[in-house]
Amino acid sequence: MTVAGSWRKWLSLEAGLLLFAVLYPLVPFVDLAADAADLSVHLDQRLVTIFIYGLLVVALNVQVGYAGLLQLGVAAFFGIGAMTTGVVTVDKYPFHFGFWGALLAAPAVAALAGLFIGAPTLRLRGDYLAIVTLGFGEVLRTVLVNLESITDGPRGLNPVAEVWVPGFVRELAGAGDDNEARLLVMYYVALLLLVAAVVLLHVLERTRIGRAFVALREDELAAACMGLDPGRIKLAAFAGGAALAGLAGALYATNLTTTADPTNYDFNNAIMVLCCLILGGLGSLRGALLGAALLIGFDNVLSPLLDKAIAALAGDAQHPLAKYSAWRWFVFGSALIAMMRYRPEGLFPARRVAQELHEPPAGSTAAVEPS
């Protein structure tokens, strides 16, 4: 595919996302349920959550999909971004950066943490790197819980500075309805940051550093023989992914107006993000977005409706099994096993990854095409 053709495809994708963003305010007028007004507010909040996790999955894709660094500490950098947002915006501390200042501080601090952690640990490979980064995430979570004098422990730092709402948005939302106006602005900010990150990474794929990431993933020794510095390339990918995860954390804390309980940044969250990436397809931006939309969307949008349906069928809403949440991890695990069995490359993988996982027929001399 030519560069012009590639850009046309991506511009059409961006146009579709922007069209969706423009048309979304019409959703509250669609009678989706008896309590359509309440549902529309919940959909706003949940779609913002999907965008935030989409950014988080894209961040992990830089580290795992591009550079081949199997790391399980993505939730830790997510938490660092959220906690940085709390520290620089709440009244407890003297900084008072505001929302836009937090959007700059959170990825910067997360990137520094990525450099600090990556410098000694990126000498490891494969499962060993995964184990060390998993341990880092669990240690950070424990520290955040126990340093109550700094983090406010399970309560989290609050209130985090809310997103700035222009006057014309308040008028559109209606007088006195500040919450709806805030949700509307948060929705568009999260969407635009996600689109900006995707466009930036799409450009990065075609630069020297982007190709160096892929070369390192394919064969570190061959990359070194070609004059690349594996250590610096790994560190760049690790810190870049950490910065995007920190940005997602800043949006998460702002959306909740609190840094929340540190258990929100635990190993389960990291595995959820990894599952999104595996489901969508390693090394593919579209796959990362698709995986986040499917898993996080199912968990946040459809699960409440499933809870009601299961409770109605069971006839006993108080029964512990009469909730989708009781079967949540079973469903996710089953879906992941099915994917690994029937489509290990994911739903929308990078071309190179798909070709590597499906060997050509015996005697075939077909070369692996670039991703």
Protein backbone atom coordinates (compact mmCIF):
# COMPACT_ATOMS: atom_id res chain seq x y z
CA MET A 1 0.00 0.00 0.00
CA THR A 2 1.31 3.47 -0.86
CA VAL A 3 1.83 6.16 1.76
CA ALA A 4 -0.96 8.23 0.17
CA GLY A 5 -3.33 5.25 0.31
CA SER A 6 -2.43 4.62 3.95
CA TRP A 7 -3.12 8.23 4.87
CA ARG A 8 -6.46 8.16 3.02
CA LYS A 9 -7.53 5.15 5.09
CA TRP A 10 -6.53 6.84 8.33
CA LEU A 11 -8.15 10.15 7.40
CA SER A 12 -11.39 8.29 6.73
CA LEU A 13 -11.11 6.67 10.17
CA GLU A 14 -10.54 10.04 11.84
CA ALA A 15 -13.48 11.52 9.92
CA GLY A 16 -15.66 8.69 11.18
CA LEU A 17 -14.61 9.28 14.78
CA LEU A 18 -15.23 13.02 14.50
CA LEU A 19 -18.62 12.42 12.89
CA PHE A 20 -19.52 10.10 15.76
CA ALA A 21 -18.43 12.78 18.24
CA VAL A 22 -20.59 15.41 16.53
CA LEU A 23 -23.66 13.18 16.35
CA TYR A 24 -23.38 11.72 19.84
CA PRO A 25 -25.32 14.57 21.56
CA LEU A 26 -28.40 13.25 19.72
CA VAL A 27 -28.29 10.04 21.80
CA PRO A 28 -30.28 11.47 24.76
CA PHE A 29 -33.25 12.00 22.42
CA VAL A 30 -33.40 8.31 21.51
CA ASP A 31 -35.74 6.44 23.82
CA LEU A 32 -33.44 3.50 24.57
CA ALA A 33 -35.15 2.66 27.86
CA ALA A 34 -37.88 3.85 30.17
CA ASP A 35 -35.31 5.94 32.07
CA ALA A 36 -33.68 7.27 28.88
CA ALA A 37 -32.51 10.51 30.50
CA ASP A 38 -30.60 8.69 33.24
CA LEU A 39 -29.21 6.22 30.73
CA SER A 40 -27.81 9.02 28.56
CA VAL A 41 -25.79 10.43 31.47
CA HIS A 42 -24.44 6.97 32.29
CA LEU A 43 -23.54 6.42 28.66
CA ASP A 44 -21.59 9.69 28.69
CA GLN A 45 -19.59 8.56 31.70
CA ARG A 46 -19.06 5.08 30.33
CA LEU A 47 -18.01 6.25 26.89
CA VAL A 48 -15.46 8.54 28.51
CA THR A 49 -14.19 5.47 30.37
CA ILE A 50 -13.92 3.57 27.07
CA PHE A 51 -11.89 6.43 25.54
CA ILE A 52 -9.60 6.52 28.58
CA TYR A 53 -8.98 2.80 28.47
CA GLY A 54 -8.53 3.03 24.71
CA LEU A 55 -5.65 5.43 25.38
CA LEU A 56 -4.28 3.01 27.99
CA VAL A 57 -4.41 0.05 25.57
CA VAL A 58 -2.68 2.16 22.91
CA ALA A 59 0.03 2.96 25.48
CA LEU A 60 0.59 -0.74 26.16
CA ASN A 61 0.67 -1.37 22.41
CA VAL A 62 3.74 0.88 22.13
CA GLN A 63 5.60 -1.28 24.64
CA VAL A 64 4.29 -4.77 23.84
CA GLY A 65 3.01 -4.53 20.27
CA TYR A 66 5.72 -2.32 18.76
CA ALA A 67 8.84 -3.04 20.81
CA GLY A 68 7.99 -6.54 22.07
CA LEU A 69 8.48 -5.65 25.75
CA LEU A 70 6.16 -7.94 27.69
CA GLN A 71 5.45 -5.78 30.73
CA LEU A 72 2.60 -6.06 33.22
CA GLY A 73 3.04 -2.75 35.02
CA VAL A 74 0.86 -0.59 32.79
CA ALA A 75 -1.69 -0.09 35.58
CA ALA A 76 1.10 1.30 37.78
CA PHE A 77 1.86 4.09 35.29
CA PHE A 78 -1.88 4.65 34.98
CA GLY A 79 -1.97 5.13 38.76
CA ILE A 80 1.08 7.40 38.72
CA GLY A 81 -0.70 9.67 36.23
CA ALA A 82 -3.86 9.73 38.34
CA MET A 83 -1.95 10.37 41.57
CA THR A 84 0.13 13.13 39.95
CA THR A 85 -3.11 14.79 38.84
CA GLY A 86 -4.37 14.65 42.41
CA VAL A 87 -1.18 16.07 43.90
CA VAL A 88 -0.96 19.02 41.50
CA THR A 89 -4.65 20.00 41.68
CA VAL A 90 -6.14 19.30 45.14
CA ASP A 91 -6.21 21.95 47.87
CA LYS A 92 -4.10 19.77 50.17
CA TYR A 93 -0.98 20.66 48.16
CA PRO A 94 0.23 24.14 47.15
CA PHE A 95 0.57 23.55 43.38
CA HIS A 96 -2.97 24.20 42.03
CA PHE A 97 -2.04 23.53 38.39
CA GLY A 98 -5.60 23.08 37.21
CA PHE A 99 -6.82 20.58 34.65
CA TRP A 100 -4.61 21.59 31.72
CA GLY A 101 -1.51 21.75 33.89
CA ALA A 102 -2.27 18.26 35.18
CA LEU A 103 -2.49 16.97 31.59
CA LEU A 104 1.13 18.07 31.15
CA ALA A 105 2.44 17.01 34.56
CA ALA A 106 0.93 13.50 34.65
CA PRO A 107 2.57 12.09 31.47
CA ALA A 108 5.85 13.81 32.34
CA VAL A 109 6.02 12.19 35.80
CA ALA A 110 4.91 8.82 34.39
CA ALA A 111 7.61 9.01 31.70
CA LEU A 112 10.25 9.78 34.35
CA ALA A 113 9.01 6.79 36.35
CA GLY A 114 9.28 4.70 33.18
CA LEU A 115 12.89 5.79 32.71
CA PHE A 116 13.69 5.12 36.36
CA ILE A 117 12.14 1.63 36.32
CA GLY A 118 13.16 0.75 32.78
CA ALA A 119 16.86 1.56 33.06
CA PRO A 120 17.67 -1.39 35.37
CA THR A 121 14.89 -3.80 34.32
CA LEU A 122 14.98 -3.69 30.52
CA ARG A 123 18.10 -5.84 30.56
CA LEU A 124 15.63 -8.65 31.23
CA ARG A 125 13.54 -10.29 28.53
CA GLY A 126 10.25 -12.11 28.13
CA ASP A 127 8.74 -13.65 31.22
CA TYR A 128 11.43 -12.22 33.49
CA LEU A 129 10.56 -8.65 32.48
CA ALA A 130 6.86 -9.45 32.94
CA ILE A 131 7.48 -10.73 36.48
CA VAL A 132 9.56 -7.71 37.50
CA THR A 133 7.07 -5.17 36.13
CA LEU A 134 4.21 -7.08 37.76
CA GLY A 135 6.06 -6.79 41.06
CA PHE A 136 6.60 -3.07 40.51
CA GLY A 137 2.87 -2.59 40.02
CA GLU A 138 1.98 -4.47 43.19
CA VAL A 139 4.61 -2.63 45.25
CA LEU A 140 3.34 0.73 43.99
CA ARG A 141 -0.26 -0.18 44.83
CA THR A 142 0.75 -1.19 48.37
CA VAL A 143 2.74 2.03 48.82
CA LEU A 144 -0.20 4.16 47.66
CA VAL A 145 -2.53 2.40 50.09
CA ASN A 146 -0.21 2.74 53.09
CA LEU A 147 1.09 6.29 52.57
CA GLU A 148 -2.19 7.78 53.75
CA SER A 149 -0.58 11.05 54.79
CA ILE A 150 0.30 11.67 51.12
CA THR A 151 -2.29 9.75 49.09
CA ASP A 152 -5.24 9.70 51.53
CA GLY A 153 -5.14 5.90 51.24
CA PRO A 154 -8.27 4.10 50.04
CA ARG A 155 -10.22 7.39 49.95
CA GLY A 156 -7.95 8.90 47.33
CA LEU A 157 -7.08 12.57 46.86
CA ASN A 158 -10.15 14.70 46.19
CA PRO A 159 -11.62 16.82 44.85
CA VAL A 160 -9.44 16.75 41.75
CA ALA A 161 -9.78 19.86 39.58
CA GLU A 162 -12.64 19.44 37.13
CA VAL A 163 -12.32 20.01 33.42
CA TRP A 164 -12.81 23.65 32.38
CA VAL A 165 -16.26 24.25 30.88
CA PRO A 166 -16.69 27.17 28.42
CA GLY A 167 -19.70 29.42 28.88
CA PHE A 168 -21.41 28.42 25.61
CA VAL A 169 -21.35 24.75 26.70
CA ARG A 170 -23.13 25.68 29.93
CA GLU A 171 -25.81 27.42 27.87
CA LEU A 172 -26.24 24.36 25.64
CA ALA A 173 -26.51 22.08 28.67
CA GLY A 174 -29.06 24.32 30.35
CA ALA A 175 -28.84 26.71 33.26
CA GLY A 176 -27.78 25.10 36.50
CA ASP A 177 -26.86 21.75 34.90
CA ASP A 178 -23.10 21.94 35.49
CA ASN A 179 -22.71 18.17 35.72
CA GLU A 180 -24.07 17.59 32.21
CA ALA A 181 -21.89 20.38 30.82
CA ARG A 182 -18.80 18.89 32.50
CA LEU A 183 -19.58 15.44 31.10
CA LEU A 184 -20.00 16.86 27.61
CA VAL A 185 -16.63 18.65 27.70
CA MET A 186 -14.92 15.64 29.29
CA TYR A 187 -16.31 13.44 26.53
CA TYR A 188 -14.86 15.60 23.77
CA VAL A 189 -11.52 16.15 25.53
CA ALA A 190 -11.03 12.40 26.05
CA LEU A 191 -12.02 11.63 22.46
CA LEU A 192 -9.74 14.29 20.96
CA LEU A 193 -6.76 13.20 23.07
CA LEU A 194 -7.32 9.60 22.00
CA VAL A 195 -7.49 10.61 18.32
CA ALA A 196 -4.37 12.77 18.73
CA ALA A 197 -2.46 9.86 20.31
CA VAL A 198 -3.54 7.48 17.53
CA VAL A 199 -2.49 9.93 14.79
CA LEU A 200 0.85 10.56 16.53
CA LEU A 201 1.57 6.83 16.77
CA HIS A 202 0.48 6.26 13.18
CA VAL A 203 3.11 8.81 12.14
CA LEU A 204 5.63 7.23 14.53
CA GLU A 205 5.22 3.83 12.84
CA ARG A 206 6.72 5.30 9.67
CA THR A 207 9.63 7.11 11.28
CA ARG A 208 13.10 5.79 12.01
CA ILE A 209 12.35 5.25 15.70
CA GLY A 210 9.12 3.41 14.87
CA ARG A 211 10.91 1.05 12.51
CA ALA A 212 13.62 0.59 15.13
CA PHE A 213 10.94 -0.57 17.61
CA VAL A 214 9.78 -3.23 15.14
CA ALA A 215 13.34 -4.30 14.31
CA LEU A 216 14.06 -4.73 18.00
CA ARG A 217 10.92 -6.81 18.47
CA GLU A 218 11.81 -9.08 15.55
CA ASP A 219 15.47 -9.73 16.38
CA GLU A 220 17.43 -7.76 18.96
CA LEU A 221 20.79 -9.19 17.87
CA ALA A 222 20.18 -8.36 14.21
CA ALA A 223 19.06 -4.85 15.17
CA ALA A 224 22.27 -4.33 17.14
CA CYS A 225 24.33 -5.58 14.18
CA MET A 226 22.63 -2.96 12.01
CA GLY A 227 23.92 -0.21 14.29
CA LEU A 228 20.87 0.29 16.52
CA ASP A 229 21.24 0.70 20.28
CA PRO A 230 18.79 -1.82 21.81
CA GLY A 231 19.04 -0.32 25.29
CA ARG A 232 18.10 3.19 24.20
CA ILE A 233 15.33 1.96 21.90
CA LYS A 234 13.79 -0.17 24.65
CA LEU A 235 13.95 2.73 27.08
CA ALA A 236 12.32 5.08 24.56
CA ALA A 237 9.44 2.64 23.98
CA PHE A 238 9.02 1.98 27.69
CA ALA A 239 9.02 5.67 28.65
CA GLY A 240 6.76 6.62 25.73
CA GLY A 241 4.18 4.02 26.67
CA ALA A 242 4.42 5.08 30.31
CA ALA A 243 3.75 8.72 29.33
CA LEU A 244 0.58 7.78 27.43
CA ALA A 245 -0.55 5.63 30.37
CA GLY A 246 0.05 8.61 32.67
CA LEU A 247 -2.08 10.81 30.40
CA ALA A 248 -4.86 8.22 30.61
CA GLY A 249 -4.51 8.28 34.40
CA ALA A 250 -4.92 12.06 34.44
CA LEU A 251 -8.16 11.79 32.46
CA TYR A 252 -9.37 8.99 34.73
CA ALA A 253 -8.84 11.01 37.92
CA THR A 254 -10.42 14.10 36.36
CA ASN A 255 -13.44 12.14 35.21
CA LEU A 256 -13.98 10.73 38.72
CA THR A 257 -12.88 13.99 40.45
CA THR A 258 -10.73 11.80 42.73
CA THR A 259 -7.65 9.60 42.46
CA ALA A 260 -9.88 6.80 43.83
CA ASP A 261 -8.87 3.68 45.71
CA PRO A 262 -5.34 2.52 44.70
CA THR A 263 -6.77 -0.96 44.10
CA ASN A 264 -8.11 0.51 40.84
CA TYR A 265 -4.49 0.35 39.61
CA ASP A 266 -3.80 -3.26 40.55
CA PHE A 267 -2.79 -6.37 38.61
CA ASN A 268 -6.38 -7.12 37.57
CA ASN A 269 -6.52 -3.80 35.74
CA ALA A 270 -3.21 -4.51 34.00
CA ILE A 271 -4.49 -7.90 32.84
CA MET A 272 -7.71 -6.31 31.58
CA VAL A 273 -5.69 -3.88 29.44
CA LEU A 274 -3.48 -6.72 28.15
CA CYS A 275 -6.60 -8.74 27.28
CA CYS A 276 -7.92 -5.78 25.27
CA LEU A 277 -4.66 -5.65 23.32
CA ILE A 278 -4.55 -9.40 22.69
CA LEU A 279 -8.20 -9.45 21.64
CA GLY A 280 -7.76 -6.55 19.21
CA GLY A 281 -4.36 -7.57 17.84
CA LEU A 282 -0.76 -6.85 18.84
CA GLY A 283 1.03 -4.09 16.98
CA SER A 284 -2.16 -2.65 15.48
CA LEU A 285 -3.64 0.70 16.50
CA ARG A 286 -7.02 -0.25 15.13
CA GLY A 287 -6.81 -3.56 16.97
CA ALA A 288 -5.99 -1.78 20.23
CA LEU A 289 -9.01 0.51 19.84
CA LEU A 290 -11.27 -2.38 18.85
CA GLY A 291 -10.18 -4.47 21.84
CA ALA A 292 -10.81 -1.60 24.25
CA ALA A 293 -14.21 -0.87 22.71
CA LEU A 294 -15.30 -4.51 22.93
CA LEU A 295 -14.06 -5.47 26.40
CA ILE A 296 -14.41 -2.16 28.24
CA GLY A 297 -17.62 -1.32 26.40
CA PHE A 298 -19.11 -4.68 27.26
CA ASP A 299 -18.06 -4.31 30.88
CA ASN A 300 -19.31 -0.74 31.32
CA VAL A 301 -22.28 -0.37 28.97
CA LEU A 302 -23.84 -3.80 28.54
CA SER A 303 -23.15 -5.38 31.93
CA PRO A 304 -25.78 -3.28 33.82
CA LEU A 305 -28.37 -4.33 31.26
CA LEU A 306 -27.27 -7.96 31.58
CA ASP A 307 -27.53 -7.74 35.38
CA LYS A 308 -31.16 -6.68 35.05
CA ALA A 309 -31.92 -9.39 32.50
CA ILE A 310 -30.27 -12.16 34.56
CA ALA A 311 -32.00 -10.99 37.73
CA ALA A 312 -35.36 -11.05 35.94
CA LEU A 313 -34.74 -14.57 34.64
CA ALA A 314 -33.51 -15.84 38.00
CA GLY A 315 -36.45 -14.30 39.82
CA ASP A 316 -34.22 -13.41 42.77
CA ALA A 317 -32.15 -10.25 42.38
CA GLN A 318 -30.41 -10.91 45.69
CA HIS A 319 -28.96 -14.26 44.62
CA PRO A 320 -25.15 -13.94 44.21
CA LEU A 321 -25.26 -15.72 40.84
CA ALA A 322 -28.04 -13.50 39.52
CA LYS A 323 -25.53 -10.87 38.39
CA TYR A 324 -23.25 -10.66 35.40
CA SER A 325 -20.47 -9.47 37.74
CA ALA A 326 -20.44 -12.95 39.30
CA TRP A 327 -19.54 -14.39 35.89
CA ARG A 328 -17.40 -11.51 34.65
CA TRP A 329 -13.97 -13.11 34.84
CA PHE A 330 -15.33 -16.45 33.62
CA VAL A 331 -16.65 -14.75 30.49
CA PHE A 332 -13.40 -12.84 29.91
CA GLY A 333 -11.29 -15.96 30.48
CA SER A 334 -13.43 -18.03 28.13
CA ALA A 335 -13.23 -15.35 25.45
CA LEU A 336 -9.45 -15.16 25.80
CA ILE A 337 -9.06 -18.96 25.59
CA ALA A 338 -11.25 -19.04 22.49
CA MET A 339 -9.16 -16.26 20.89
CA MET A 340 -5.89 -18.05 21.64
CA ARG A 341 -7.29 -21.25 20.17
CA TYR A 342 -8.94 -19.98 17.00
CA ARG A 343 -7.39 -16.58 16.27
CA PRO A 344 -4.18 -16.07 18.27
CA GLU A 345 -3.20 -12.96 16.31
CA GLY A 346 -6.32 -11.09 17.49
CA LEU A 347 -9.24 -9.61 15.59
CA PHE A 348 -7.33 -6.84 13.80
CA PRO A 349 -3.58 -7.52 14.09
CA ALA A 350 -0.66 -5.90 12.32
CA ARG A 351 -0.01 -7.71 9.04
CA ARG A 352 3.44 -8.90 10.10
CA VAL A 353 2.12 -10.37 13.37
CA ALA A 354 -0.65 -12.23 11.52
CA GLN A 355 1.82 -13.69 9.02
CA GLU A 356 4.20 -14.80 11.75
CA LEU A 357 1.44 -16.74 13.53
CA HIS A 358 0.21 -18.41 10.35
CA GLU A 359 3.06 -20.21 8.63
CA PRO A 360 2.85 -20.46 4.83
CA PRO A 361 2.18 -23.88 3.28
CA ALA A 362 5.10 -26.28 2.94
CA GLY A 363 7.28 -25.35 -0.03
CA SER A 364 5.98 -21.78 -0.14
CA THR A 365 8.60 -19.06 -0.58
CA ALA A 366 6.29 -16.14 0.23
CA ALA A 367 8.12 -13.47 2.15
CA VAL A 368 6.75 -11.79 5.22
CA GLU A 369 5.37 -8.41 4.25
CA PRO A 370 6.18 -5.37 6.39
CA SER A 371 3.57 -4.30 8.92
